[in-house]
Protein backbone atom coordinates (compact mmCIF):
# COMPACT_ATOMS: atom_id res chain seq x y z
CA MET A 1 108.55 16.90 38.05
CA LEU A 2 104.40 17.51 38.29
CA ILE A 3 102.75 15.52 41.30
CA GLU A 4 98.83 15.56 40.49
CA ASP A 5 96.02 13.07 40.75
CA ASN A 6 93.82 14.05 38.37
CA ALA A 7 94.93 12.79 34.42
CA GLN A 8 93.33 16.03 32.75
CA ASN A 9 95.56 17.97 34.74
CA ARG A 10 98.70 15.95 34.11
CA TYR A 11 98.20 15.87 30.58
CA LEU A 12 97.58 19.52 30.22
CA THR A 13 100.17 20.53 32.09
CA THR A 14 102.54 18.04 30.64
CA PHE A 15 101.46 19.42 27.14
CA LEU A 16 102.06 22.99 28.04
CA LEU A 17 105.31 22.16 29.80
CA GLU A 18 107.11 20.28 27.24
CA GLN A 19 106.01 22.81 24.34
CA HIS A 20 108.00 24.95 26.10
CA GLY A 21 111.34 22.84 26.16
CA TYR A 22 110.67 21.23 29.81
CA CYS A 23 110.77 17.83 30.58
CA VAL A 24 108.47 16.06 32.50
CA VAL A 25 108.06 13.45 34.93
CA CYS A 26 104.75 12.85 36.63
CA ALA A 27 103.25 11.14 39.74
CA ALA A 28 99.83 10.80 40.15
CA ASP A 29 100.24 10.83 44.13
CA GLY A 30 101.98 11.95 47.39
CA PRO A 31 104.23 8.83 48.04
CA SER A 32 104.93 7.98 44.99
CA GLY A 33 105.79 11.73 44.03
CA ILE A 34 108.08 12.00 47.17
CA ALA A 35 109.66 8.64 46.20
CA GLU A 36 110.29 9.91 42.20
CA ALA A 37 111.76 13.36 43.63
CA SER A 38 114.20 11.39 45.91
CA ARG A 39 115.49 9.44 42.83
CA LEU A 40 115.27 12.03 40.16
CA SER A 41 116.31 14.83 42.23
CA PRO A 42 114.22 17.05 39.72
CA ASP A 43 115.34 20.88 39.32
CA LEU A 44 111.64 21.81 39.53
CA ILE A 45 108.40 20.46 41.87
CA LEU A 46 105.12 21.20 40.86
CA LEU A 47 102.52 20.05 43.29
CA ASP A 48 99.06 19.44 43.50
CA ILE A 49 97.86 20.57 47.18
CA GLN A 50 94.23 18.72 47.10
CA LEU A 51 95.80 14.67 46.74
CA PRO A 52 94.15 11.49 47.86
CA GLY A 53 95.64 10.05 51.23
CA MET A 54 97.95 12.27 51.57
CA ASP A 55 97.65 16.19 50.76
CA GLY A 56 100.03 18.51 49.18
CA TYR A 57 101.00 20.12 52.47
CA GLN A 58 102.26 17.06 53.73
CA VAL A 59 104.02 16.11 50.59
CA ALA A 60 105.85 19.53 50.74
CA ARG A 61 106.73 19.32 54.43
CA ALA A 62 108.45 15.22 53.48
CA LEU A 63 110.06 16.56 50.26
CA ARG A 64 111.58 19.85 52.42
CA ALA A 65 112.62 16.85 54.87
CA GLN A 66 115.20 15.87 52.39
CA PRO A 67 118.51 17.86 52.18
CA GLU A 68 118.99 16.76 48.74
CA LEU A 69 115.16 18.31 48.01
CA ASP A 70 115.40 20.88 50.30
CA GLN A 71 116.03 24.05 47.85
CA VAL A 72 114.59 22.94 45.10
CA PRO A 73 112.00 24.79 43.99
CA ILE A 74 108.08 23.62 44.70
CA ILE A 75 105.17 25.22 43.23
CA ALA A 76 102.29 24.65 44.65
CA VAL A 77 99.09 23.96 41.17
CA THR A 78 95.78 24.61 43.24
CA SER A 79 92.05 24.82 43.50
CA TYR A 80 92.20 25.55 47.27
CA ALA A 81 91.60 29.94 46.70
CA MET A 82 90.48 30.88 50.00
CA VAL A 83 92.17 33.49 51.87
CA GLY A 84 94.91 31.89 53.81
CA ASP A 85 95.31 29.27 51.15
CA ARG A 86 98.30 30.70 49.46
CA GLU A 87 100.56 31.05 52.82
CA LYS A 88 99.49 27.61 54.20
CA SER A 89 101.13 26.23 50.91
CA LEU A 90 104.12 28.67 51.27
CA ASP A 91 104.21 27.76 55.12
CA SER A 92 104.15 24.24 54.00
CA GLY A 93 107.37 24.67 52.47
CA CYS A 94 106.38 25.69 48.60
CA ASP A 95 108.00 28.64 47.04
CA GLY A 96 105.34 29.72 44.45
CA TYR A 97 101.75 29.11 44.13
CA ILE A 98 99.86 29.14 41.37
CA GLU A 99 95.58 28.50 41.44
CA LYS A 100 93.37 26.16 38.81
CA PRO A 101 91.90 26.29 36.50
CA ILE A 102 95.20 27.04 35.03
CA ASP A 103 95.41 30.12 32.28
CA PRO A 104 97.35 28.10 29.14
CA GLU A 105 98.41 31.47 27.90
CA THR A 106 99.84 32.63 31.14
CA PHE A 107 100.70 28.78 33.16
CA VAL A 108 104.30 28.38 31.73
CA SER A 109 105.18 32.18 32.48
CA GLN A 110 104.02 32.20 35.78
CA ILE A 111 106.21 29.15 36.33
CA GLN A 112 109.18 30.97 34.60
CA ALA A 113 108.88 33.93 36.89
CA ILE A 114 108.87 31.85 39.87
CA GLU A 115 111.70 29.68 38.43
CA SER A 116 113.72 33.12 38.26
CA THR A 117 113.57 33.60 41.46
CA HIS A 118 114.30 30.30 43.09
CA GLY A 119 117.31 29.25 40.49
CA ALA A 120 115.44 26.26 38.45
CA ALA A 121 116.62 25.31 35.52
CA GLY A 122 113.70 22.10 34.04
CA ARG A 123 114.33 23.19 30.76
CA THR A 124 116.38 21.34 28.05
CA GLU A 125 117.58 23.70 25.83
């Protein structure tokens, strides 16, 4: 699952993941992302931190508060790259952190490395 408000970022991320056998469901804001994640129980959540209305930190905490989602790996994918931003993401409940702009050459391998640590299985292969 991808929670991302920027249409271009959603397109690129979805394209890259689908090329590697992932099935991607998108949400454009925090509240709809929480609702979809609750409904679907995805294997993995990619979460933008800079979302309108409800930031990604709040979304991560809300997802972690749901027992059926508390073990789902959450990866922050964010342009927040200042000192302390990675730790703030991890402290809010994220399991991994990838900086934007993403590198199309390494993005999927970064996700797979975090997946292997947390046991997600989001691919259809």
